[in-house]
Amino acid sequence: MFPLFLIPVFIAAVAVCLYACIAEEIYRILALCICLLCTAIGLILAPWQIQGTVLVLALWLTRQFSLPKHNNYRV
C-alpha cells in the first residue's frame, strides 16, 4: 500500500522549489501557502510514529532556542 501522506509532502517540496525560483511576490506567497497547507495535510495523514517524532522534535527545538545558554548576571 502506498503511503498517502507522501503525496502532499512531494507537492510541498515542489512548492518550495517554485518558491525559490519565482521572482514575483504574489506567486511566491501562493507557493508558500501551498507548501504550508500541504505540509499540514501530510502531517495529518502521516502515521502516529511520524507525528510523534515531529512533536518531540518540535518540543526539543523550541526548548533549545528559547532557553538562554548561560546567565551573565550576578546577584
N, C-alpha and C. Protein backbone atom coordinates (compact mmCIF):
# COMPACT_ATOMS: atom_id res chain seq x y z
N MET A 1 0.84 -1.18 0.00
CA MET A 1 0.00 0.00 0.00
C MET A 1 0.88 1.24 0.00
N PHE A 2 0.57 2.16 -0.89
CA PHE A 2 1.34 3.38 -1.00
C PHE A 2 0.92 4.35 0.12
N PRO A 3 1.89 4.87 0.87
CA PRO A 3 1.52 5.81 1.94
C PRO A 3 0.99 7.13 1.36
N LEU A 4 -0.25 7.43 1.69
CA LEU A 4 -0.91 8.61 1.12
C LEU A 4 -0.32 9.92 1.61
N PHE A 5 0.34 9.92 2.77
CA PHE A 5 0.86 11.17 3.30
C PHE A 5 2.05 11.67 2.47
N LEU A 6 2.63 10.82 1.63
CA LEU A 6 3.77 11.26 0.82
C LEU A 6 3.37 12.16 -0.35
N ILE A 7 2.13 12.05 -0.81
CA ILE A 7 1.68 12.89 -1.93
C ILE A 7 1.72 14.37 -1.56
N PRO A 8 1.13 14.81 -0.43
CA PRO A 8 1.25 16.23 -0.08
C PRO A 8 2.68 16.65 0.24
N VAL A 9 3.49 15.71 0.74
CA VAL A 9 4.89 16.06 1.03
C VAL A 9 5.64 16.35 -0.26
N PHE A 10 5.40 15.56 -1.30
CA PHE A 10 6.04 15.82 -2.59
C PHE A 10 5.54 17.13 -3.20
N ILE A 11 4.25 17.41 -3.07
CA ILE A 11 3.71 18.67 -3.58
C ILE A 11 4.32 19.85 -2.82
N ALA A 12 4.51 19.69 -1.51
CA ALA A 12 5.14 20.75 -0.72
C ALA A 12 6.60 20.95 -1.16
N ALA A 13 7.30 19.87 -1.47
CA ALA A 13 8.69 20.00 -1.93
C ALA A 13 8.75 20.74 -3.27
N VAL A 14 7.82 20.45 -4.16
CA VAL A 14 7.77 21.17 -5.44
C VAL A 14 7.44 22.64 -5.20
N ALA A 15 6.55 22.93 -4.27
CA ALA A 15 6.19 24.31 -3.96
C ALA A 15 7.39 25.07 -3.39
N VAL A 16 8.21 24.39 -2.60
CA VAL A 16 9.43 25.04 -2.08
C VAL A 16 10.39 25.36 -3.21
N CYS A 17 10.54 24.43 -4.15
CA CYS A 17 11.42 24.69 -5.30
C CYS A 17 10.89 25.85 -6.13
N LEU A 18 9.58 25.89 -6.33
CA LEU A 18 9.00 27.01 -7.06
C LEU A 18 9.16 28.32 -6.31
N TYR A 19 9.02 28.27 -5.00
CA TYR A 19 9.20 29.47 -4.17
C TYR A 19 10.61 30.03 -4.34
N ALA A 20 11.59 29.16 -4.44
CA ALA A 20 12.98 29.61 -4.58
C ALA A 20 13.26 30.16 -5.98
N CYS A 21 12.52 29.69 -6.98
CA CYS A 21 12.81 30.10 -8.36
C CYS A 21 12.00 31.29 -8.85
N ILE A 22 10.84 31.52 -8.27
CA ILE A 22 9.93 32.55 -8.77
C ILE A 22 10.36 33.92 -8.24
N ALA A 23 10.26 34.94 -9.11
CA ALA A 23 10.67 36.29 -8.74
C ALA A 23 9.49 37.17 -8.31
N GLU A 24 8.29 36.89 -8.82
CA GLU A 24 7.14 37.74 -8.50
C GLU A 24 6.59 37.40 -7.12
N GLU A 25 6.23 38.45 -6.39
CA GLU A 25 5.86 38.29 -4.98
C GLU A 25 4.55 37.53 -4.78
N ILE A 26 3.55 37.80 -5.60
CA ILE A 26 2.25 37.14 -5.44
C ILE A 26 2.39 35.63 -5.63
N TYR A 27 3.13 35.22 -6.64
CA TYR A 27 3.30 33.79 -6.89
C TYR A 27 4.16 33.13 -5.83
N ARG A 28 5.11 33.88 -5.27
CA ARG A 28 5.92 33.34 -4.17
C ARG A 28 5.05 33.11 -2.93
N ILE A 29 4.16 34.04 -2.63
CA ILE A 29 3.26 33.89 -1.48
C ILE A 29 2.32 32.71 -1.72
N LEU A 30 1.83 32.56 -2.94
CA LEU A 30 0.96 31.43 -3.27
C LEU A 30 1.71 30.10 -3.10
N ALA A 31 2.95 30.04 -3.57
CA ALA A 31 3.75 28.82 -3.41
C ALA A 31 4.01 28.52 -1.94
N LEU A 32 4.25 29.56 -1.14
CA LEU A 32 4.47 29.37 0.29
C LEU A 32 3.20 28.86 0.98
N CYS A 33 2.05 29.40 0.61
CA CYS A 33 0.78 28.94 1.19
C CYS A 33 0.50 27.49 0.82
N ILE A 34 0.78 27.13 -0.42
CA ILE A 34 0.60 25.74 -0.86
C ILE A 34 1.53 24.82 -0.08
N CYS A 35 2.75 25.27 0.13
CA CYS A 35 3.72 24.47 0.88
C CYS A 35 3.25 24.25 2.32
N LEU A 36 2.80 25.30 2.98
CA LEU A 36 2.33 25.17 4.36
C LEU A 36 1.09 24.29 4.46
N LEU A 37 0.16 24.46 3.53
CA LEU A 37 -1.06 23.66 3.54
C LEU A 37 -0.75 22.18 3.29
N CYS A 38 0.10 21.90 2.32
CA CYS A 38 0.44 20.50 2.01
C CYS A 38 1.25 19.87 3.14
N THR A 39 2.09 20.65 3.80
CA THR A 39 2.83 20.11 4.94
C THR A 39 1.88 19.75 6.08
N ALA A 40 0.90 20.60 6.33
CA ALA A 40 -0.08 20.32 7.38
C ALA A 40 -0.92 19.08 7.02
N ILE A 41 -1.35 18.98 5.78
CA ILE A 41 -2.13 17.81 5.36
C ILE A 41 -1.28 16.55 5.43
N GLY A 42 -0.02 16.65 5.01
CA GLY A 42 0.86 15.49 5.09
C GLY A 42 1.09 15.04 6.52
N LEU A 43 1.19 15.98 7.43
CA LEU A 43 1.37 15.62 8.83
C LEU A 43 0.11 15.00 9.42
N ILE A 44 -1.04 15.48 9.01
CA ILE A 44 -2.30 14.91 9.48
C ILE A 44 -2.47 13.48 8.97
N LEU A 45 -2.08 13.22 7.74
CA LEU A 45 -2.24 11.88 7.15
C LEU A 45 -1.12 10.92 7.53
N ALA A 46 -0.07 11.42 8.15
CA ALA A 46 1.08 10.58 8.50
C ALA A 46 0.73 9.60 9.62
N PRO A 47 1.45 8.49 9.68
CA PRO A 47 1.23 7.55 10.80
C PRO A 47 1.61 8.19 12.13
N TRP A 48 1.12 7.60 13.20
CA TRP A 48 1.33 8.20 14.52
C TRP A 48 2.79 8.21 14.92
N GLN A 49 3.60 7.30 14.41
CA GLN A 49 5.02 7.30 14.74
C GLN A 49 5.71 8.56 14.20
N ILE A 50 5.36 8.94 12.99
CA ILE A 50 5.93 10.14 12.39
C ILE A 50 5.39 11.38 13.08
N GLN A 51 4.12 11.38 13.41
CA GLN A 51 3.53 12.51 14.13
C GLN A 51 4.20 12.69 15.49
N GLY A 52 4.44 11.60 16.19
CA GLY A 52 5.11 11.67 17.48
C GLY A 52 6.54 12.16 17.36
N THR A 53 7.24 11.71 16.32
CA THR A 53 8.61 12.17 16.10
C THR A 53 8.65 13.67 15.81
N VAL A 54 7.72 14.15 14.99
CA VAL A 54 7.67 15.58 14.69
C VAL A 54 7.33 16.37 15.94
N LEU A 55 6.43 15.85 16.78
CA LEU A 55 6.08 16.53 18.02
C LEU A 55 7.28 16.62 18.96
N VAL A 56 8.00 15.52 19.12
CA VAL A 56 9.18 15.53 20.00
C VAL A 56 10.25 16.47 19.46
N LEU A 57 10.49 16.45 18.16
CA LEU A 57 11.48 17.36 17.57
C LEU A 57 11.07 18.82 17.74
N ALA A 58 9.78 19.12 17.56
CA ALA A 58 9.31 20.49 17.72
C ALA A 58 9.48 20.96 19.17
N LEU A 59 9.15 20.10 20.11
CA LEU A 59 9.32 20.47 21.52
C LEU A 59 10.78 20.64 21.88
N TRP A 60 11.63 19.76 21.38
CA TRP A 60 13.06 19.83 21.68
C TRP A 60 13.69 21.07 21.05
N LEU A 61 13.34 21.38 19.80
CA LEU A 61 13.92 22.54 19.13
C LEU A 61 13.46 23.85 19.76
N THR A 62 12.19 23.94 20.16
CA THR A 62 11.74 25.17 20.79
C THR A 62 12.41 25.36 22.14
N ARG A 63 12.68 24.26 22.84
CA ARG A 63 13.38 24.36 24.12
C ARG A 63 14.84 24.79 23.91
N GLN A 64 15.47 24.29 22.85
CA GLN A 64 16.85 24.63 22.57
C GLN A 64 17.00 26.12 22.21
N PHE A 65 16.03 26.65 21.47
CA PHE A 65 16.14 28.03 21.03
C PHE A 65 15.57 29.04 22.01
N SER A 66 14.72 28.60 22.95
CA SER A 66 14.09 29.55 23.84
C SER A 66 14.86 29.75 25.15
N LEU A 67 15.63 28.77 25.57
CA LEU A 67 16.37 28.90 26.82
C LEU A 67 17.73 29.54 26.59
N PRO A 68 18.14 30.45 27.48
CA PRO A 68 19.48 31.04 27.32
C PRO A 68 20.56 30.00 27.62
N LYS A 69 21.70 30.17 26.96
CA LYS A 69 22.79 29.21 27.15
C LYS A 69 23.46 29.37 28.51
N HIS A 70 23.63 30.60 28.94
CA HIS A 70 24.25 30.84 30.24
C HIS A 70 23.74 32.17 30.78
N ASN A 71 23.93 32.38 32.06
CA ASN A 71 23.45 33.58 32.71
C ASN A 71 24.66 34.42 33.12
N ASN A 72 24.76 35.63 32.57
CA ASN A 72 25.88 36.52 32.88
C ASN A 72 25.62 37.43 34.07
N TYR A 73 24.39 37.39 34.57
CA TYR A 73 24.04 38.27 35.67
C TYR A 73 24.42 37.65 37.01
N ARG A 74 24.99 38.48 37.87
CA ARG A 74 25.35 38.02 39.22
C ARG A 74 24.58 38.84 40.24
N VAL A 75 24.18 38.19 41.29
CA VAL A 75 23.40 38.87 42.33
C VAL A 75 24.30 39.22 43.49
